[in-house]
C-alpha atoms as a PDB file:
ATOM      1  CA  MET A   1     249.652  22.253  56.686  1.00  0.00           C
ATOM      2  CA  ALA A   2     246.961  24.611  58.380  1.00  0.00           C
ATOM      3  CA  ASN A   3     244.380  24.213  60.894  1.00  0.00           C
ATOM      4  CA  GLN A   4     241.723  26.768  61.785  1.00  0.00           C
ATOM      5  CA  VAL A   5     241.329  27.094  65.267  1.00  0.00           C
ATOM      6  CA  CYS A   6     238.571  28.242  67.522  1.00  0.00           C
ATOM      7  CA  PRO A   7     238.962  31.936  68.674  1.00  0.00           C
ATOM      8  CA  LYS A   8     237.226  31.519  72.125  1.00  0.00           C
ATOM      9  CA  CYS A   9     239.508  28.459  73.322  1.00  0.00           C
ATOM     10  CA  LYS A  10     241.897  27.619  70.967  1.00  0.00           C
ATOM     11  CA  SER A  11     241.056  24.238  70.163  1.00  0.00           C
ATOM     12  CA  THR A  12     241.425  22.514  66.624  1.00  0.00           C
ATOM     13  CA  ASP A  13     238.250  20.895  67.021  1.00  0.00           C
ATOM     14  CA  ILE A  14     236.188  22.259  64.105  1.00  0.00           C
ATOM     15  CA  GLN A  15     233.797  21.329  61.708  1.00  0.00           C
ATOM     16  CA  LYS A  16     231.289  22.955  59.525  1.00  0.00           C
ATOM     17  CA  ASP A  17     227.851  23.630  61.223  1.00  0.00           C
ATOM     18  CA  PHE A  18     225.114  22.418  59.419  1.00  0.00           C
ATOM     19  CA  SER A  19     222.429  23.255  62.058  1.00  0.00           C
ATOM     20  CA  VAL A  20     219.198  24.296  61.541  1.00  0.00           C
ATOM     21  CA  GLN A  21     219.993  27.881  62.899  1.00  0.00           C
ATOM     22  CA  SER A  22     222.789  28.638  60.272  1.00  0.00           C
ATOM     23  CA  TYR A  23     220.506  27.308  58.046  1.00  0.00           C
ATOM     24  CA  GLY A  24     217.697  29.896  58.696  1.00  0.00           C
ATOM     25  CA  GLN A  25     220.352  32.602  59.187  1.00  0.00           C
ATOM     26  CA  GLY A  26     221.519  31.793  55.263  1.00  0.00           C
ATOM     27  CA  SER A  27     225.024  31.467  56.203  1.00  0.00           C
ATOM     28  CA  PHE A  28     225.107  27.381  56.179  1.00  0.00           C
ATOM     29  CA  PHE A  29     227.629  27.124  53.516  1.00  0.00           C
ATOM     30  CA  ASN A  30     230.303  29.337  55.556  1.00  0.00           C
ATOM     31  CA  GLN A  31     229.341  28.638  59.486  1.00  0.00           C
ATOM     32  CA  TYR A  32     231.651  26.408  61.511  1.00  0.00           C
ATOM     33  CA  LYS A  33     231.334  25.144  64.990  1.00  0.00           C
ATOM     34  CA  CYS A  34     233.794  24.423  67.522  1.00  0.00           C
ATOM     35  CA  ASN A  35     233.313  20.865  69.261  1.00  0.00           C
ATOM     36  CA  LYS A  36     234.945  21.586  72.447  1.00  0.00           C
ATOM     37  CA  CYS A  37     233.400  25.270  73.278  1.00  0.00           C
ATOM     38  CA  GLY A  38     230.236  25.317  71.170  1.00  0.00           C
ATOM     39  CA  TYR A  39     231.593  28.417  70.049  1.00  0.00           C
ATOM     40  CA  THR A  40     230.105  29.077  65.970  1.00  0.00           C
ATOM     41  CA  GLY A  41     231.043  31.709  63.724  1.00  0.00           C
ATOM     42  CA  GLN A  42     232.134  32.707  60.179  1.00  0.00           C
ATOM     43  CA  PHE A  43     235.540  33.836  61.438  1.00  0.00           C
ATOM     44  CA  PHE A  44     238.119  30.663  62.894  1.00  0.00           C
ATOM     45  CA  PRO A  45     242.034  31.803  62.112  1.00  0.00           C
ATOM     46  CA  ILE A  46     244.036  29.540  59.812  1.00  0.00           C
ATOM     47  CA  ILE A  47     246.812  29.108  61.438  1.00  0.00           C
ATOM     48  CA  LYS A  48     250.312  26.755  60.781  1.00  0.00           C
ATOM     49  CA  LYS A  49     250.742  23.422  61.887  1.00  0.00           C
ATOM     50  CA  LYS A  50     254.006  24.399  63.921  1.00  0.00           C
ATOM     51  CA  LYS A  51     252.477  27.377  65.381  1.00  0.00           C
ATOM     52  CA  LYS A  52     249.863  25.260  67.350  1.00  0.00           C
ATOM     53  CA  LYS A  53     251.846  24.302  69.962  1.00  0.00           C
ATOM     54  CA  THR A  54     252.714  28.195  70.532  1.00  0.00           C
ATOM     55  CA  VAL A  55     249.146  28.999  70.294  1.00  0.00           C
ATOM     56  CA  LYS A  56     248.551  26.237  73.311  1.00  0.00           C
ATOM     57  CA  LYS A  57     251.939  27.641  75.107  1.00  0.00           C
ATOM     58  CA  LYS A  58     250.441  30.856  75.142  1.00  0.00           C
ATOM     59  CA  LYS A  59     246.863  30.091  76.529  1.00  0.00           C
ATOM     60  CA  LYS A  60     248.300  28.164  79.112  1.00  0.00           C
ATOM     61  CA  ALA A  61     250.621  30.830  80.823  1.00  0.00           C
ATOM     62  CA  LYS A  62     247.626  33.473  80.177  1.00  0.00           C
ATOM     63  CA  LYS A  63     246.271  30.574  83.232  1.00  0.00           C
ATOM     64  CA  LYS A  64     248.611  30.650  85.312  1.00  0.00           C
END
């Protein structure tokens, strides 16, 4: 199984962006939004579920 990941905060809480701004830009059907940090964009990488833990560990290591 694969998940989309926010490129900014590495969260997997992603959904389609149906906002007025994305509709006005003409990217209504291929725009996504991170519910954790609010990042919006068309590119949200897809990773396998097993690699999700590795991404979170690397993020925590960078903070230290």
